Amino acid sequence: LVFDRTHLTRWRGSALARLGDVEAIDVLSDVLDRLDPTFARA
């Protein structure tokens, strides 16, 4: 398992996106800035 708080936040942002919640934009944008660039599929 490759999982940390950054990935947890990404997953939460994905759930918010499914729900159409505008909060997902800030959550996912923040994760995008912190995501390891080697995780291309993520």
PDB file of all heavy atoms in Angstrom:
ATOM      1  N   LEU A   1       0.836  -1.201   0.000  1.00  0.00           N
ATOM      2  CA  LEU A   1       0.000   0.000   0.000  1.00  0.00           C
ATOM      3  C   LEU A   1       0.871   1.251   0.000  1.00  0.00           C
ATOM      4  O   LEU A   1       1.750   1.404   0.850  1.00  0.00           O
ATOM      5  CB  LEU A   1      -0.893  -0.030   1.247  1.00  0.00           C
ATOM      6  CG  LEU A   1      -2.119   0.854   1.261  1.00  0.00           C
ATOM      7  CD1 LEU A   1      -3.053   0.504   0.111  1.00  0.00           C
ATOM      8  CD2 LEU A   1      -2.851   0.681   2.596  1.00  0.00           C
ATOM      9  N   VAL A   2       0.654   2.132  -0.971  1.00  0.00           N
ATOM     10  CA  VAL A   2       1.297   3.439  -0.991  1.00  0.00           C
ATOM     11  C   VAL A   2       0.212   4.459  -0.650  1.00  0.00           C
ATOM     12  O   VAL A   2      -0.642   4.774  -1.484  1.00  0.00           O
ATOM     13  CB  VAL A   2       1.923   3.744  -2.361  1.00  0.00           C
ATOM     14  CG1 VAL A   2       2.555   5.128  -2.362  1.00  0.00           C
ATOM     15  CG2 VAL A   2       2.958   2.691  -2.715  1.00  0.00           C
ATOM     16  N   PHE A   3       0.244   4.942   0.587  1.00  0.00           N
ATOM     17  CA  PHE A   3      -0.864   5.771   1.065  1.00  0.00           C
ATOM     18  C   PHE A   3      -0.352   6.666   2.183  1.00  0.00           C
ATOM     19  O   PHE A   3       0.308   6.205   3.114  1.00  0.00           O
ATOM     20  CB  PHE A   3      -1.987   4.855   1.584  1.00  0.00           C
ATOM     21  CG  PHE A   3      -3.293   5.549   1.860  1.00  0.00           C
ATOM     22  CD1 PHE A   3      -3.964   6.232   0.862  1.00  0.00           C
ATOM     23  CD2 PHE A   3      -3.852   5.503   3.130  1.00  0.00           C
ATOM     24  CE1 PHE A   3      -5.178   6.850   1.110  1.00  0.00           C
ATOM     25  CE2 PHE A   3      -5.058   6.117   3.390  1.00  0.00           C
ATOM     26  CZ  PHE A   3      -5.732   6.791   2.369  1.00  0.00           C
ATOM     27  N   ASP A   4      -0.631   7.964   2.068  1.00  0.00           N
ATOM     28  CA  ASP A   4      -0.284   8.911   3.120  1.00  0.00           C
ATOM     29  C   ASP A   4      -1.367   9.985   3.154  1.00  0.00           C
ATOM     30  O   ASP A   4      -2.409   9.863   2.483  1.00  0.00           O
ATOM     31  CB  ASP A   4       1.107   9.516   2.887  1.00  0.00           C
ATOM     32  CG  ASP A   4       1.238  10.203   1.529  1.00  0.00           C
ATOM     33  OD1 ASP A   4       0.185  10.539   0.910  1.00  0.00           O
ATOM     34  OD2 ASP A   4       2.367  10.405   1.056  1.00  0.00           O
ATOM     35  N   ARG A   5      -1.143  11.032   3.916  1.00  0.00           N
ATOM     36  CA  ARG A   5      -2.196  12.054   4.060  1.00  0.00           C
ATOM     37  C   ARG A   5      -2.449  12.807   2.764  1.00  0.00           C
ATOM     38  O   ARG A   5      -3.567  13.266   2.514  1.00  0.00           O
ATOM     39  CB  ARG A   5      -1.833  13.013   5.201  1.00  0.00           C
ATOM     40  CG  ARG A   5      -1.926  12.343   6.565  1.00  0.00           C
ATOM     41  CD  ARG A   5      -1.959  13.328   7.717  1.00  0.00           C
ATOM     42  NE  ARG A   5      -2.139  12.604   8.976  1.00  0.00           N
ATOM     43  CZ  ARG A   5      -3.309  12.251   9.468  1.00  0.00           C
ATOM     44  NH1 ARG A   5      -4.432  12.563   8.807  1.00  0.00           N
ATOM     45  NH2 ARG A   5      -3.393  11.586  10.607  1.00  0.00           N
ATOM     46  N   THR A   6      -1.433  12.930   1.933  1.00  0.00           N
ATOM     47  CA  THR A   6      -1.649  13.568   0.630  1.00  0.00           C
ATOM     48  C   THR A   6      -2.610  12.738  -0.217  1.00  0.00           C
ATOM     49  O   THR A   6      -3.547  13.268  -0.833  1.00  0.00           O
ATOM     50  CB  THR A   6      -0.315  13.743  -0.111  1.00  0.00           C
ATOM     51  OG1 THR A   6       0.539  14.608   0.643  1.00  0.00           O
ATOM     52  CG2 THR A   6      -0.539  14.344  -1.499  1.00  0.00           C
ATOM     53  N   HIS A   7      -2.393  11.423  -0.232  1.00  0.00           N
ATOM     54  CA  HIS A   7      -3.284  10.550  -0.999  1.00  0.00           C
ATOM     55  C   HIS A   7      -4.682  10.499  -0.372  1.00  0.00           C
ATOM     56  O   HIS A   7      -5.689  10.413  -1.097  1.00  0.00           O
ATOM     57  CB  HIS A   7      -2.696   9.142  -1.075  1.00  0.00           C
ATOM     58  CG  HIS A   7      -1.491   9.057  -1.953  1.00  0.00           C
ATOM     59  ND1 HIS A   7      -1.554   9.087  -3.321  1.00  0.00           N
ATOM     60  CD2 HIS A   7      -0.168   8.964  -1.643  1.00  0.00           C
ATOM     61  CE1 HIS A   7      -0.340   8.999  -3.828  1.00  0.00           C
ATOM     62  NE2 HIS A   7       0.524   8.919  -2.830  1.00  0.00           N
ATOM     63  N   LEU A   8      -4.754  10.567   0.947  1.00  0.00           N
ATOM     64  CA  LEU A   8      -6.062  10.585   1.606  1.00  0.00           C
ATOM     65  C   LEU A   8      -6.833  11.845   1.215  1.00  0.00           C
ATOM     66  O   LEU A   8      -8.037  11.791   0.924  1.00  0.00           O
ATOM     67  CB  LEU A   8      -5.883  10.508   3.127  1.00  0.00           C
ATOM     68  CG  LEU A   8      -7.166  10.635   3.957  1.00  0.00           C
ATOM     69  CD1 LEU A   8      -8.165   9.541   3.601  1.00  0.00           C
ATOM     70  CD2 LEU A   8      -6.831  10.592   5.458  1.00  0.00           C
ATOM     71  N   THR A   9      -6.140  12.976   1.205  1.00  0.00           N
ATOM     72  CA  THR A   9      -6.793  14.229   0.818  1.00  0.00           C
ATOM     73  C   THR A   9      -7.233  14.191  -0.640  1.00  0.00           C
ATOM     74  O   THR A   9      -8.306  14.677  -1.009  1.00  0.00           O
ATOM     75  CB  THR A   9      -5.836  15.416   1.041  1.00  0.00           C
ATOM     76  OG1 THR A   9      -5.387  15.420   2.401  1.00  0.00           O
ATOM     77  CG2 THR A   9      -6.528  16.738   0.752  1.00  0.00           C
ATOM     78  N   ARG A  10      -6.388  13.571  -1.500  1.00  0.00           N
ATOM     79  CA  ARG A  10      -6.776  13.426  -2.914  1.00  0.00           C
ATOM     80  C   ARG A  10      -8.047  12.606  -3.046  1.00  0.00           C
ATOM     81  O   ARG A  10      -8.954  12.930  -3.832  1.00  0.00           O
ATOM     82  CB  ARG A  10      -5.633  12.759  -3.691  1.00  0.00           C
ATOM     83  CG  ARG A  10      -5.961  12.488  -5.156  1.00  0.00           C
ATOM     84  CD  ARG A  10      -4.765  11.922  -5.896  1.00  0.00           C
ATOM     85  NE  ARG A  10      -4.412  10.589  -5.439  1.00  0.00           N
ATOM     86  CZ  ARG A  10      -4.949   9.473  -5.924  1.00  0.00           C
ATOM     87  NH1 ARG A  10      -5.918   9.547  -6.833  1.00  0.00           N
ATOM     88  NH2 ARG A  10      -4.545   8.296  -5.478  1.00  0.00           N
ATOM     89  N   TRP A  11      -8.135  11.544  -2.250  1.00  0.00           N
ATOM     90  CA  TRP A  11      -9.307  10.677  -2.294  1.00  0.00           C
ATOM     91  C   TRP A  11     -10.550  11.418  -1.799  1.00  0.00           C
ATOM     92  O   TRP A  11     -11.635  11.306  -2.368  1.00  0.00           O
ATOM     93  CB  TRP A  11      -9.055   9.434  -1.426  1.00  0.00           C
ATOM     94  CG  TRP A  11      -9.726   8.195  -1.916  1.00  0.00           C
ATOM     95  CD1 TRP A  11     -10.795   8.113  -2.758  1.00  0.00           C
ATOM     96  CD2 TRP A  11      -9.364   6.853  -1.594  1.00  0.00           C
ATOM     97  NE1 TRP A  11     -11.135   6.802  -2.967  1.00  0.00           N
ATOM     98  CE2 TRP A  11     -10.271   6.004  -2.274  1.00  0.00           C
ATOM     99  CE3 TRP A  11      -8.378   6.268  -0.800  1.00  0.00           C
ATOM    100  CZ2 TRP A  11     -10.226   4.623  -2.164  1.00  0.00           C
ATOM    101  CZ3 TRP A  11      -8.328   4.893  -0.699  1.00  0.00           C
ATOM    102  CH2 TRP A  11      -9.238   4.074  -1.372  1.00  0.00           C
ATOM    103  N   ARG A  12     -10.365  12.232  -0.729  1.00  0.00           N
ATOM    104  CA  ARG A  12     -11.496  13.028  -0.227  1.00  0.00           C
ATOM    105  C   ARG A  12     -11.947  14.026  -1.299  1.00  0.00           C
ATOM    106  O   ARG A  12     -13.157  14.221  -1.518  1.00  0.00           O
ATOM    107  CB  ARG A  12     -11.097  13.766   1.053  1.00  0.00           C
ATOM    108  CG  ARG A  12     -12.246  14.547   1.689  1.00  0.00           C
ATOM    109  CD  ARG A  12     -11.740  15.490   2.762  1.00  0.00           C
ATOM    110  NE  ARG A  12     -11.284  14.803   3.951  1.00  0.00           N
ATOM    111  CZ  ARG A  12     -12.040  14.561   5.007  1.00  0.00           C
ATOM    112  NH1 ARG A  12     -13.311  14.939   5.018  1.00  0.00           N
ATOM    113  NH2 ARG A  12     -11.532  13.964   6.064  1.00  0.00           N
ATOM    114  N   GLY A  13     -10.976  14.655  -1.966  1.00  0.00           N
ATOM    115  CA  GLY A  13     -11.317  15.597  -3.031  1.00  0.00           C
ATOM    116  C   GLY A  13     -12.060  14.927  -4.167  1.00  0.00           C
ATOM    117  O   GLY A  13     -13.004  15.495  -4.744  1.00  0.00           O
ATOM    118  N   SER A  14     -11.664  13.697  -4.491  1.00  0.00           N
ATOM    119  CA  SER A  14     -12.355  12.942  -5.537  1.00  0.00           C
ATOM    120  C   SER A  14     -13.803  12.665  -5.142  1.00  0.00           C
ATOM    121  O   SER A  14     -14.715  12.756  -5.979  1.00  0.00           O
ATOM    122  CB  SER A  14     -11.611  11.629  -5.803  1.00  0.00           C
ATOM    123  OG  SER A  14     -12.281  10.867  -6.777  1.00  0.00           O
ATOM    124  N   ALA A  15     -14.009  12.325  -3.864  1.00  0.00           N
ATOM    125  CA  ALA A  15     -15.373  12.080  -3.378  1.00  0.00           C
ATOM    126  C   ALA A  15     -16.211  13.350  -3.461  1.00  0.00           C
ATOM    127  O   ALA A  15     -17.382  13.309  -3.868  1.00  0.00           O
ATOM    128  CB  ALA A  15     -15.328  11.563  -1.944  1.00  0.00           C
ATOM    129  N   LEU A  16     -15.613  14.486  -3.105  1.00  0.00           N
ATOM    130  CA  LEU A  16     -16.330  15.758  -3.198  1.00  0.00           C
ATOM    131  C   LEU A  16     -16.675  16.087  -4.649  1.00  0.00           C
ATOM    132  O   LEU A  16     -17.749  16.622  -4.944  1.00  0.00           O
ATOM    133  CB  LEU A  16     -15.487  16.891  -2.584  1.00  0.00           C
ATOM    134  CG  LEU A  16     -15.280  16.831  -1.071  1.00  0.00           C
ATOM    135  CD1 LEU A  16     -14.248  17.860  -0.629  1.00  0.00           C
ATOM    136  CD2 LEU A  16     -16.617  17.080  -0.346  1.00  0.00           C
ATOM    137  N   ALA A  17     -15.753  15.744  -5.559  1.00  0.00           N
ATOM    138  CA  ALA A  17     -16.016  15.980  -6.981  1.00  0.00           C
ATOM    139  C   ALA A  17     -17.198  15.137  -7.455  1.00  0.00           C
ATOM    140  O   ALA A  17     -18.031  15.594  -8.247  1.00  0.00           O
ATOM    141  CB  ALA A  17     -14.768  15.667  -7.794  1.00  0.00           C
ATOM    142  N   ARG A  18     -17.272  13.888  -6.980  1.00  0.00           N
ATOM    143  CA  ARG A  18     -18.408  13.031  -7.332  1.00  0.00           C
ATOM    144  C   ARG A  18     -19.725  13.658  -6.898  1.00  0.00           C
ATOM    145  O   ARG A  18     -20.756  13.511  -7.558  1.00  0.00           O
ATOM    146  CB  ARG A  18     -18.260  11.663  -6.662  1.00  0.00           C
ATOM    147  CG  ARG A  18     -17.279  10.715  -7.310  1.00  0.00           C
ATOM    148  CD  ARG A  18     -17.255   9.397  -6.555  1.00  0.00           C
ATOM    149  NE  ARG A  18     -16.343   8.406  -7.115  1.00  0.00           N
ATOM    150  CZ  ARG A  18     -16.642   7.532  -8.061  1.00  0.00           C
ATOM    151  NH1 ARG A  18     -17.858   7.539  -8.588  1.00  0.00           N
ATOM    152  NH2 ARG A  18     -15.754   6.673  -8.496  1.00  0.00           N
ATOM    153  N   LEU A  19     -19.664  14.339  -5.754  1.00  0.00           N
ATOM    154  CA  LEU A  19     -20.869  14.953  -5.200  1.00  0.00           C
ATOM    155  C   LEU A  19     -21.150  16.328  -5.799  1.00  0.00           C
ATOM    156  O   LEU A  19     -22.171  16.944  -5.481  1.00  0.00           O
ATOM    157  CB  LEU A  19     -20.721  15.080  -3.677  1.00  0.00           C
ATOM    158  CG  LEU A  19     -20.719  13.756  -2.903  1.00  0.00           C
ATOM    159  CD1 LEU A  19     -20.136  13.954  -1.507  1.00  0.00           C
ATOM    160  CD2 LEU A  19     -22.133  13.188  -2.819  1.00  0.00           C
ATOM    161  N   GLY A  20     -20.237  16.815  -6.659  1.00  0.00           N
ATOM    162  CA  GLY A  20     -20.415  18.134  -7.262  1.00  0.00           C
ATOM    163  C   GLY A  20     -20.183  19.274  -6.300  1.00  0.00           C
ATOM    164  O   GLY A  20     -20.646  20.399  -6.522  1.00  0.00           O
ATOM    165  N   ASP A  21     -19.434  19.016  -5.217  1.00  0.00           N
ATOM    166  CA  ASP A  21     -19.166  20.019  -4.193  1.00  0.00           C
ATOM    167  C   ASP A  21     -18.033  20.931  -4.659  1.00  0.00           C
ATOM    168  O   ASP A  21     -16.942  20.464  -5.000  1.00  0.00           O
ATOM    169  CB  ASP A  21     -18.782  19.328  -2.885  1.00  0.00           C
ATOM    170  CG  ASP A  21     -18.791  20.276  -1.700  1.00  0.00           C
ATOM    171  OD1 ASP A  21     -18.394  21.446  -1.869  1.00  0.00           O
ATOM    172  OD2 ASP A  21     -19.181  19.837  -0.595  1.00  0.00           O
ATOM    173  N   VAL A  22     -18.261  22.247  -4.648  1.00  0.00           N
ATOM    174  CA  VAL A  22     -17.260  23.201  -5.118  1.00  0.00           C
ATOM    175  C   VAL A  22     -15.998  23.167  -4.269  1.00  0.00           C
ATOM    176  O   VAL A  22     -14.915  23.557  -4.721  1.00  0.00           O
ATOM    177  CB  VAL A  22     -17.870  24.629  -5.143  1.00  0.00           C
ATOM    178  CG1 VAL A  22     -18.126  25.131  -3.715  1.00  0.00           C
ATOM    179  CG2 VAL A  22     -16.970  25.595  -5.906  1.00  0.00           C
ATOM    180  N   GLU A  23     -16.099  22.695  -3.035  1.00  0.00           N
ATOM    181  CA  GLU A  23     -14.921  22.590  -2.171  1.00  0.00           C
ATOM    182  C   GLU A  23     -13.867  21.681  -2.787  1.00  0.00           C
ATOM    183  O   GLU A  23     -12.662  21.794  -2.487  1.00  0.00           O
ATOM    184  CB  GLU A  23     -15.330  22.048  -0.795  1.00  0.00           C
ATOM    185  CG  GLU A  23     -14.181  21.973   0.205  1.00  0.00           C
ATOM    186  CD  GLU A  23     -14.575  21.289   1.500  1.00  0.00           C
ATOM    187  OE1 GLU A  23     -15.778  21.021   1.703  1.00  0.00           O
ATOM    188  OE2 GLU A  23     -13.659  21.002   2.305  1.00  0.00           O
ATOM    189  N   ALA A  24     -14.274  20.782  -3.663  1.00  0.00           N
ATOM    190  CA  ALA A  24     -13.338  19.854  -4.299  1.00  0.00           C
ATOM    191  C   ALA A  24     -12.253  20.589  -5.073  1.00  0.00           C
ATOM    192  O   ALA A  24     -11.114  20.096  -5.166  1.00  0.00           O
ATOM    193  CB  ALA A  24     -14.092  18.912  -5.228  1.00  0.00           C
ATOM    194  N   ILE A  25     -12.565  21.781  -5.609  1.00  0.00           N
ATOM    195  CA  ILE A  25     -11.581  22.517  -6.407  1.00  0.00           C
ATOM    196  C   ILE A  25     -10.371  22.884  -5.561  1.00  0.00           C
ATOM    197  O   ILE A  25      -9.217  22.643  -5.947  1.00  0.00           O
ATOM    198  CB  ILE A  25     -12.221  23.784  -7.023  1.00  0.00           C
ATOM    199  CG1 ILE A  25     -13.304  23.376  -8.031  1.00  0.00           C
ATOM    200  CG2 ILE A  25     -11.151  24.650  -7.681  1.00  0.00           C
ATOM    201  CD1 ILE A  25     -14.060  24.558  -8.617  1.00  0.00           C
ATOM    202  N   ASP A  26     -10.617  23.475  -4.376  1.00  0.00           N
ATOM    203  CA  ASP A  26      -9.499  23.858  -3.508  1.00  0.00           C
ATOM    204  C   ASP A  26      -8.748  22.644  -2.985  1.00  0.00           C
ATOM    205  O   ASP A  26      -7.517  22.643  -2.927  1.00  0.00           O
ATOM    206  CB  ASP A  26     -10.018  24.689  -2.327  1.00  0.00           C
ATOM    207  CG  ASP A  26     -10.518  26.059  -2.762  1.00  0.00           C
ATOM    208  OD1 ASP A  26     -10.054  26.549  -3.822  1.00  0.00           O
ATOM    209  OD2 ASP A  26     -11.373  26.643  -2.056  1.00  0.00           O
ATOM    210  N   VAL A  27      -9.485  21.597  -2.606  1.00  0.00           N
ATOM    211  CA  VAL A  27      -8.847  20.393  -2.065  1.00  0.00           C
ATOM    212  C   VAL A  27      -7.948  19.751  -3.105  1.00  0.00           C
ATOM    213  O   VAL A  27      -6.770  19.442  -2.847  1.00  0.00           O
ATOM    214  CB  VAL A  27      -9.909  19.390  -1.567  1.00  0.00           C
ATOM    215  CG1 VAL A  27      -9.240  18.082  -1.154  1.00  0.00           C
ATOM    216  CG2 VAL A  27     -10.697  19.978  -0.402  1.00  0.00           C
ATOM    217  N   LEU A  28      -8.463  19.535  -4.307  1.00  0.00           N
ATOM    218  CA  LEU A  28      -7.697  18.867  -5.343  1.00  0.00           C
ATOM    219  C   LEU A  28      -6.554  19.727  -5.865  1.00  0.00           C
ATOM    220  O   LEU A  28      -5.466  19.217  -6.176  1.00  0.00           O
ATOM    221  CB  LEU A  28      -8.617  18.469  -6.496  1.00  0.00           C
ATOM    222  CG  LEU A  28      -9.655  17.381  -6.177  1.00  0.00           C
ATOM    223  CD1 LEU A  28     -10.646  17.230  -7.324  1.00  0.00           C
ATOM    224  CD2 LEU A  28      -8.962  16.039  -5.913  1.00  0.00           C
ATOM    225  N   SER A  29      -6.771  21.029  -5.956  1.00  0.00           N
ATOM    226  CA  SER A  29      -5.711  21.926  -6.431  1.00  0.00           C
ATOM    227  C   SER A  29      -4.536  21.930  -5.462  1.00  0.00           C
ATOM    228  O   SER A  29      -3.364  21.953  -5.868  1.00  0.00           O
ATOM    229  CB  SER A  29      -6.253  23.345  -6.607  1.00  0.00           C
ATOM    230  OG  SER A  29      -7.260  23.386  -7.598  1.00  0.00           O
ATOM    231  N   ASP A  30      -4.843  21.893  -4.162  1.00  0.00           N
ATOM    232  CA  ASP A  30      -3.784  21.851  -3.160  1.00  0.00           C
ATOM    233  C   ASP A  30      -2.998  20.543  -3.256  1.00  0.00           C
ATOM    234  O   ASP A  30      -1.762  20.529  -3.177  1.00  0.00           O
ATOM    235  CB  ASP A  30      -4.394  22.003  -1.761  1.00  0.00           C
ATOM    236  CG  ASP A  30      -3.342  21.934  -0.665  1.00  0.00           C
ATOM    237  OD1 ASP A  30      -2.437  22.790  -0.642  1.00  0.00           O
ATOM    238  OD2 ASP A  30      -3.419  21.011   0.173  1.00  0.00           O
ATOM    239  N   VAL A  31      -3.714  19.450  -3.455  1.00  0.00           N
ATOM    240  CA  VAL A  31      -3.038  18.155  -3.575  1.00  0.00           C
ATOM    241  C   VAL A  31      -2.172  18.123  -4.831  1.00  0.00           C
ATOM    242  O   VAL A  31      -1.061  17.582  -4.823  1.00  0.00           O
ATOM    243  CB  VAL A  31      -4.065  17.005  -3.612  1.00  0.00           C
ATOM    244  CG1 VAL A  31      -3.374  15.679  -3.922  1.00  0.00           C
ATOM    245  CG2 VAL A  31      -4.793  16.914  -2.284  1.00  0.00           C
ATOM    246  N   LEU A  32      -2.650  18.714  -5.908  1.00  0.00           N
ATOM    247  CA  LEU A  32      -1.896  18.719  -7.163  1.00  0.00           C
ATOM    248  C   LEU A  32      -0.535  19.377  -6.979  1.00  0.00           C
ATOM    249  O   LEU A  32       0.461  18.951  -7.568  1.00  0.00           O
ATOM    250  CB  LEU A  32      -2.694  19.451  -8.240  1.00  0.00           C
ATOM    251  CG  LEU A  32      -2.129  19.432  -9.668  1.00  0.00           C
ATOM    252  CD1 LEU A  32      -1.981  18.004 -10.160  1.00  0.00           C
ATOM    253  CD2 LEU A  32      -3.023  20.246 -10.601  1.00  0.00           C
ATOM    254  N   ASP A  33      -0.490  20.411  -6.131  1.00  0.00           N
ATOM    255  CA  ASP A  33       0.787  21.090  -5.863  1.00  0.00           C
ATOM    256  C   ASP A  33       1.745  20.229  -5.048  1.00  0.00           C
ATOM    257  O   ASP A  33       2.964  20.423  -5.104  1.00  0.00           O
ATOM    258  CB  ASP A  33       0.532  22.414  -5.123  1.00  0.00           C
ATOM    259  CG  ASP A  33      -0.184  23.438  -5.980  1.00  0.00           C
ATOM    260  OD1 ASP A  33      -0.064  23.341  -7.220  1.00  0.00           O
ATOM    261  OD2 ASP A  33      -0.872  24.320  -5.426  1.00  0.00           O
ATOM    262  N   ARG A  34       1.203  19.279  -4.269  1.00  0.00           N
ATOM    263  CA  ARG A  34       2.027  18.490  -3.361  1.00  0.00           C
ATOM    264  C   ARG A  34       2.282  17.064  -3.845  1.00  0.00           C
ATOM    265  O   ARG A  34       3.111  16.355  -3.275  1.00  0.00           O
ATOM    266  CB  ARG A  34       1.357  18.422  -1.970  1.00  0.00           C
ATOM    267  CG  ARG A  34       1.270  19.756  -1.270  1.00  0.00           C
ATOM    268  CD  ARG A  34       0.724  19.632   0.148  1.00  0.00           C
ATOM    269  NE  ARG A  34      -0.712  19.416   0.186  1.00  0.00           N
ATOM    270  CZ  ARG A  34      -1.300  18.340   0.672  1.00  0.00           C
ATOM    271  NH1 ARG A  34      -0.570  17.339   1.124  1.00  0.00           N
ATOM    272  NH2 ARG A  34      -2.610  18.237   0.701  1.00  0.00           N
ATOM    273  N   LEU A  35       1.604  16.646  -4.888  1.00  0.00           N
ATOM    274  CA  LEU A  35       1.689  15.256  -5.327  1.00  0.00           C
ATOM    275  C   LEU A  35       3.066  14.928  -5.910  1.00  0.00           C
ATOM    276  O   LEU A  35       3.632  15.713  -6.670  1.00  0.00           O
ATOM    277  CB  LEU A  35       0.610  14.983  -6.380  1.00  0.00           C
ATOM    278  CG  LEU A  35       0.420  13.527  -6.810  1.00  0.00           C
ATOM    279  CD1 LEU A  35      -0.121  12.680  -5.663  1.00  0.00           C
ATOM    280  CD2 LEU A  35      -0.513  13.453  -8.022  1.00  0.00           C
ATOM    281  N   ASP A  36       3.595  13.782  -5.542  1.00  0.00           N
ATOM    282  CA  ASP A  36       4.857  13.284  -6.096  1.00  0.00           C
ATOM    283  C   ASP A  36       4.695  13.159  -7.613  1.00  0.00           C
ATOM    284  O   ASP A  36       3.812  12.442  -8.090  1.00  0.00           O
ATOM    285  CB  ASP A  36       5.163  11.918  -5.474  1.00  0.00           C
ATOM    286  CG  ASP A  36       6.517  11.364  -5.906  1.00  0.00           C
ATOM    287  OD1 ASP A  36       7.003  11.735  -6.988  1.00  0.00           O
ATOM    288  OD2 ASP A  36       7.079  10.537  -5.166  1.00  0.00           O
ATOM    289  N   PRO A  37       5.552  13.844  -8.401  1.00  0.00           N
ATOM    290  CA  PRO A  37       5.388  13.827  -9.864  1.00  0.00           C
ATOM    291  C   PRO A  37       5.586  12.451 -10.498  1.00  0.00           C
ATOM    292  O   PRO A  37       5.219  12.257 -11.662  1.00  0.00           O
ATOM    293  CB  PRO A  37       6.464  14.816 -10.344  1.00  0.00           C
ATOM    294  CG  PRO A  37       7.465  14.878  -9.233  1.00  0.00           C
ATOM    295  CD  PRO A  37       6.680  14.683  -7.973  1.00  0.00           C
ATOM    296  N   THR A  38       6.169  11.502  -9.755  1.00  0.00           N
ATOM    297  CA  THR A  38       6.340  10.166 -10.329  1.00  0.00           C
ATOM    298  C   THR A  38       5.031   9.377 -10.341  1.00  0.00           C
ATOM    299  O   THR A  38       4.944   8.339 -10.990  1.00  0.00           O
ATOM    300  CB  THR A  38       7.404   9.354  -9.555  1.00  0.00           C
ATOM    301  OG1 THR A  38       6.954   9.118  -8.223  1.00  0.00           O
ATOM    302  CG2 THR A  38       8.732  10.091  -9.530  1.00  0.00           C
ATOM    303  N   PHE A  39       4.006   9.858  -9.624  1.00  0.00           N
ATOM    304  CA  PHE A  39       2.709   9.176  -9.594  1.00  0.00           C
ATOM    305  C   PHE A  39       1.869   9.674 -10.766  1.00  0.00           C
ATOM    306  O   PHE A  39       0.891  10.411 -10.599  1.00  0.00           O
ATOM    307  CB  PHE A  39       1.997   9.430  -8.261  1.00  0.00           C
ATOM    308  CG  PHE A  39       2.554   8.641  -7.112  1.00  0.00           C
ATOM    309  CD1 PHE A  39       3.781   8.980  -6.555  1.00  0.00           C
ATOM    310  CD2 PHE A  39       1.875   7.549  -6.595  1.00  0.00           C
ATOM    311  CE1 PHE A  39       4.309   8.257  -5.512  1.00  0.00           C
ATOM    312  CE2 PHE A  39       2.404   6.818  -5.542  1.00  0.00           C
ATOM    313  CZ  PHE A  39       3.631   7.173  -5.006  1.00  0.00           C
ATOM    314  N   ALA A  40       2.262   9.248 -11.969  1.00  0.00           N
ATOM    315  CA  ALA A  40       1.630   9.771 -13.186  1.00  0.00           C
ATOM    316  C   ALA A  40       0.154   9.412 -13.262  1.00  0.00           C
ATOM    317  O   ALA A  40      -0.684  10.239 -13.643  1.00  0.00           O
ATOM    318  CB  ALA A  40       2.371   9.238 -14.416  1.00  0.00           C
ATOM    319  N   ARG A  41      -0.197   8.177 -12.912  1.00  0.00           N
ATOM    320  CA  ARG A  41      -1.602   7.774 -13.023  1.00  0.00           C
ATOM    321  C   ARG A  41      -2.454   8.470 -11.974  1.00  0.00           C
ATOM    322  O   ARG A  41      -3.617   8.828 -12.227  1.00  0.00           O
ATOM    323  CB  ARG A  41      -1.727   6.262 -12.894  1.00  0.00           C
ATOM    324  CG  ARG A  41      -3.125   5.754 -13.222  1.00  0.00           C
ATOM    325  CD  ARG A  41      -3.135   4.276 -13.511  1.00  0.00           C
ATOM    326  NE  ARG A  41      -2.508   3.498 -12.474  1.00  0.00           N
ATOM    327  CZ  ARG A  41      -2.068   2.251 -12.633  1.00  0.00           C
ATOM    328  NH1 ARG A  41      -2.190   1.663 -13.801  1.00  0.00           N
ATOM    329  NH2 ARG A  41      -1.514   1.591 -11.639  1.00  0.00           N
ATOM    330  N   ALA A  42      -1.878   8.694 -10.771  1.00  0.00           N
ATOM    331  CA  ALA A  42      -2.621   9.413  -9.732  1.00  0.00           C
ATOM    332  C   ALA A  42      -2.898  10.853 -10.170  1.00  0.00           C
ATOM    333  O   ALA A  42      -3.995  11.382  -9.945  1.00  0.00           O
ATOM    334  CB  ALA A  42      -1.835   9.403  -8.419  1.00  0.00           C
TER     335      ALA A  42
END
